[in-house]
N, C-alpha and C. Protein backbone atom coordinates (compact mmCIF):
# COMPACT_ATOMS: atom_id res chain seq x y z
N MET A 1 105.36 101.00 101.00
CA MET A 1 104.87 100.77 98.99
C MET A 1 107.00 101.24 99.39
N PRO A 2 107.43 100.87 98.17
CA PRO A 2 108.80 101.17 98.28
C PRO A 2 108.52 102.32 96.68
N TYR A 3 109.15 102.76 96.70
CA TYR A 3 109.20 103.84 95.72
C TYR A 3 110.02 103.64 94.15
N LYS A 4 108.36 103.65 93.59
CA LYS A 4 108.81 102.65 91.99
C LYS A 4 110.33 103.56 91.13
N GLY A 5 110.83 102.49 91.23
CA GLY A 5 112.13 103.47 90.20
C GLY A 5 113.63 102.98 91.22
N SER A 6 113.52 102.38 92.55
CA SER A 6 114.70 102.39 93.60
C SER A 6 114.18 100.11 93.13
N ARG A 7 115.62 101.03 94.73
CA ARG A 7 116.19 100.14 94.62
C ARG A 7 115.19 98.09 94.32
N ILE A 8 114.58 98.46 95.96
CA ILE A 8 113.64 97.53 96.59
C ILE A 8 112.75 97.69 95.08
N THR A 9 112.26 98.24 94.79
CA THR A 9 111.19 97.50 93.54
C THR A 9 112.02 96.61 92.38
N GLU A 10 113.21 97.39 92.22
CA GLU A 10 114.28 96.74 90.56
C GLU A 10 114.18 95.35 91.11
N ASP A 11 113.97 95.05 92.59
CA ASP A 11 114.72 93.64 93.30
C ASP A 11 113.80 93.47 94.16
N MET A 12 112.45 93.08 94.73
CA MET A 12 111.35 92.89 95.08
C MET A 12 111.59 91.97 96.15
N ASP A 13 112.77 90.88 95.39
CA ASP A 13 112.70 89.40 95.55
C ASP A 13 114.19 88.96 97.08
N SER A 14 114.73 90.03 96.68
CA SER A 14 115.92 90.04 97.66
C SER A 14 115.77 91.12 98.95
N PHE A 15 114.41 91.60 99.13
CA PHE A 15 113.58 92.27 100.52
C PHE A 15 113.55 92.07 100.67
N ASP A 16 112.95 90.24 99.95
CA ASP A 16 111.38 89.89 101.09
C ASP A 16 109.52 90.61 100.86
N ILE A 17 109.83 91.10 99.37
CA ILE A 17 108.61 92.15 100.04
C ILE A 17 108.11 91.31 98.39
N GLN A 18 106.73 91.96 98.11
CA GLN A 18 105.39 91.25 97.02
C GLN A 18 104.19 92.39 96.93
N VAL A 19 104.33 92.69 96.52
CA VAL A 19 103.22 94.07 95.56
C VAL A 19 101.92 93.19 95.05
N ASP A 20 101.01 94.06 96.20
CA ASP A 20 99.94 93.05 95.25
C ASP A 20 98.66 94.51 93.29
N SER A 21 98.92 94.71 93.33
CA SER A 21 99.00 95.78 92.48
C SER A 21 99.93 96.16 91.53
N GLU A 22 99.99 96.33 90.00
CA GLU A 22 100.61 96.63 89.12
C GLU A 22 100.50 98.62 89.39
N SER A 23 99.28 99.34 90.00
CA SER A 23 99.74 100.12 89.47
C SER A 23 99.75 101.07 90.91
N PHE A 24 100.58 101.96 90.86
CA PHE A 24 101.83 102.45 91.87
C PHE A 24 100.57 104.02 92.70
N GLU A 25 99.60 104.81 91.15
CA GLU A 25 99.23 105.43 91.61
C GLU A 25 98.02 105.52 92.30
N ASP A 26 96.56 104.33 92.43
CA ASP A 26 96.31 104.24 93.91
C ASP A 26 96.98 103.37 95.10
N ALA A 27 98.46 103.44 94.99
CA ALA A 27 99.37 102.67 96.01
C ALA A 27 99.88 104.32 96.98
N TRP A 28 99.93 104.93 97.39
CA TRP A 28 100.41 106.09 97.99
C TRP A 28 99.32 106.70 98.05
N TYR A 29 98.17 106.26 98.05
CA TYR A 29 96.50 106.90 98.91
C TYR A 29 96.51 106.89 100.32
N LYS A 30 97.00 108.29 100.75
CA LYS A 30 97.12 107.53 102.14
C LYS A 30 96.08 107.14 102.85
N GLY A 31 94.69 107.74 102.46
CA GLY A 31 93.51 107.01 103.04
C GLY A 31 92.90 107.85 104.98
N ILE A 32 92.29 107.25 105.04
CA ILE A 32 91.10 107.87 106.73
C ILE A 32 92.16 107.10 107.66
N PRO A 33 91.75 107.94 108.97
CA PRO A 33 92.67 106.54 109.90
C PRO A 33 92.14 105.58 110.20
N GLY A 34 91.75 104.62 110.08
CA GLY A 34 91.23 103.32 110.87
C GLY A 34 91.09 102.42 109.35
N HIS A 35 91.41 102.93 107.79
CA HIS A 35 90.83 102.81 106.62
C HIS A 35 91.43 102.85 105.80
N TYR A 36 92.69 101.86 106.36
CA TYR A 36 94.30 102.58 105.52
C TYR A 36 94.36 101.59 104.21
N ARG A 37 95.30 100.76 103.49
CA ARG A 37 95.65 100.26 102.22
C ARG A 37 96.40 99.54 102.29
N CYS A 38 96.74 98.35 101.42
CA CYS A 38 97.94 98.52 102.31
C CYS A 38 98.43 96.94 101.21
N HIS A 39 99.08 97.52 99.83
CA HIS A 39 99.34 96.89 98.52
C HIS A 39 100.39 95.74 99.31
N VAL A 40 101.17 95.79 100.31
CA VAL A 40 102.46 95.28 100.09
C VAL A 40 102.19 94.14 101.40
N SER A 41 102.73 92.98 100.66
CA SER A 41 103.46 91.90 102.63
C SER A 41 105.09 91.45 102.25
N THR A 42 105.13 91.13 103.13
CA THR A 42 105.96 90.39 103.42
C THR A 42 105.81 88.78 103.26
N SER A 43 106.99 87.58 103.33
CA SER A 43 106.96 86.59 104.94
C SER A 43 106.90 86.36 105.67
N GLY A 44 106.89 87.02 106.32
CA GLY A 44 106.46 87.83 107.94
C GLY A 44 105.22 88.31 108.27
N LEU A 45 104.82 89.59 107.65
CA LEU A 45 103.98 89.33 107.63
C LEU A 45 102.24 90.20 105.97
N SER A 46 101.22 89.69 106.52
CA SER A 46 100.56 90.31 105.33
C SER A 46 100.18 91.60 105.71
N ALA A 47 99.25 92.00 104.40
CA ALA A 47 99.09 92.79 104.11
C ALA A 47 98.61 93.51 105.21
N VAL A 48 97.09 92.57 105.86
CA VAL A 48 95.91 93.45 107.13
C VAL A 48 97.11 94.12 107.93
N GLU A 49 98.05 92.74 108.28
CA GLU A 49 99.36 92.35 109.45
C GLU A 49 100.11 93.61 109.48
N ILE A 50 99.70 94.45 108.49
CA ILE A 50 101.30 95.27 108.69
C ILE A 50 100.54 97.07 108.76
N VAL A 51 99.17 96.80 108.39
CA VAL A 51 98.43 98.05 108.58
C VAL A 51 98.14 98.14 110.17
N GLU A 52 97.70 97.24 110.47
CA GLU A 52 97.28 96.38 112.61
C GLU A 52 98.62 97.00 112.95
N TRP A 53 99.47 96.64 112.43
CA TRP A 53 100.51 97.41 113.05
C TRP A 53 101.29 98.87 113.12
N ARG A 54 101.07 99.76 112.33
CA ARG A 54 101.38 100.44 111.84
C ARG A 54 100.26 101.37 112.16
N ASP A 55 98.90 100.89 112.79
CA ASP A 55 97.66 102.19 113.83
C ASP A 55 98.17 101.35 114.91
N LYS A 56 98.60 100.71 115.55
CA LYS A 56 99.64 100.73 117.30
C LYS A 56 100.47 101.56 117.02
N ILE A 57 101.99 101.40 116.27
CA ILE A 57 102.59 102.40 116.34
C ILE A 57 101.60 103.79 116.16
N GLU A 58 100.94 104.45 115.27
CA GLU A 58 100.60 105.16 115.87
C GLU A 58 99.86 105.79 117.47
N ASN A 59 99.06 104.99 117.74
CA ASN A 59 98.84 105.21 118.68
C ASN A 59 99.86 105.04 119.49
N GLU A 60 100.44 104.50 119.65
CA GLU A 60 101.76 104.05 120.47
C GLU A 60 102.20 105.84 121.17
N LEU A 61 102.48 106.12 119.26
CA LEU A 61 102.92 107.79 119.53
C LEU A 61 102.48 108.94 119.84
N GLY A 62 100.92 109.00 119.58
CA GLY A 62 99.79 109.33 120.12
C GLY A 62 99.85 108.94 121.24
N LYS A 63 100.14 108.53 122.68
CA LYS A 63 100.34 109.02 123.49
C LYS A 63 101.60 109.31 123.51
N LEU A 64 101.96 109.69 123.41
CA LEU A 64 103.43 109.71 123.93
C LEU A 64 104.01 111.34 123.36
N ARG A 65 102.91 111.66 122.74
CA ARG A 65 102.19 112.76 122.37
C ARG A 65 101.67 113.73 123.31
N ASN A 66 100.83 113.24 123.57
CA ASN A 66 100.25 113.58 124.57
C ASN A 66 100.24 113.25 125.84
N ARG A 67 100.90 112.96 126.92
CA ARG A 67 101.39 112.47 127.45
C ARG A 67 101.51 114.22 128.39
N ASP A 68 101.45 114.78 129.76
CA ASP A 68 101.83 116.11 130.20
C ASP A 68 103.01 115.64 130.89
C-alpha cells in the first residue's frame, strides 16, 4: 500500500496502481500469515496475486534464513 500523501498516491495512474479502498486505516493492517488483505492491484497483478507472491517470497526467504 503506498503511503497516503506520497507521490504515488497523488498520481496512481502514472504508477499503474489501483486502490480498492478509500480507507487507509484498514489498509495498514498487517494480518496473520496466510490471511493477509491487499487493497492494491495493477494492470498486471490482482490483489490476490500480490498476496500470493508476497507469501511465496516470504516462504523462500524463510528457507534461506533456516539453511544450515
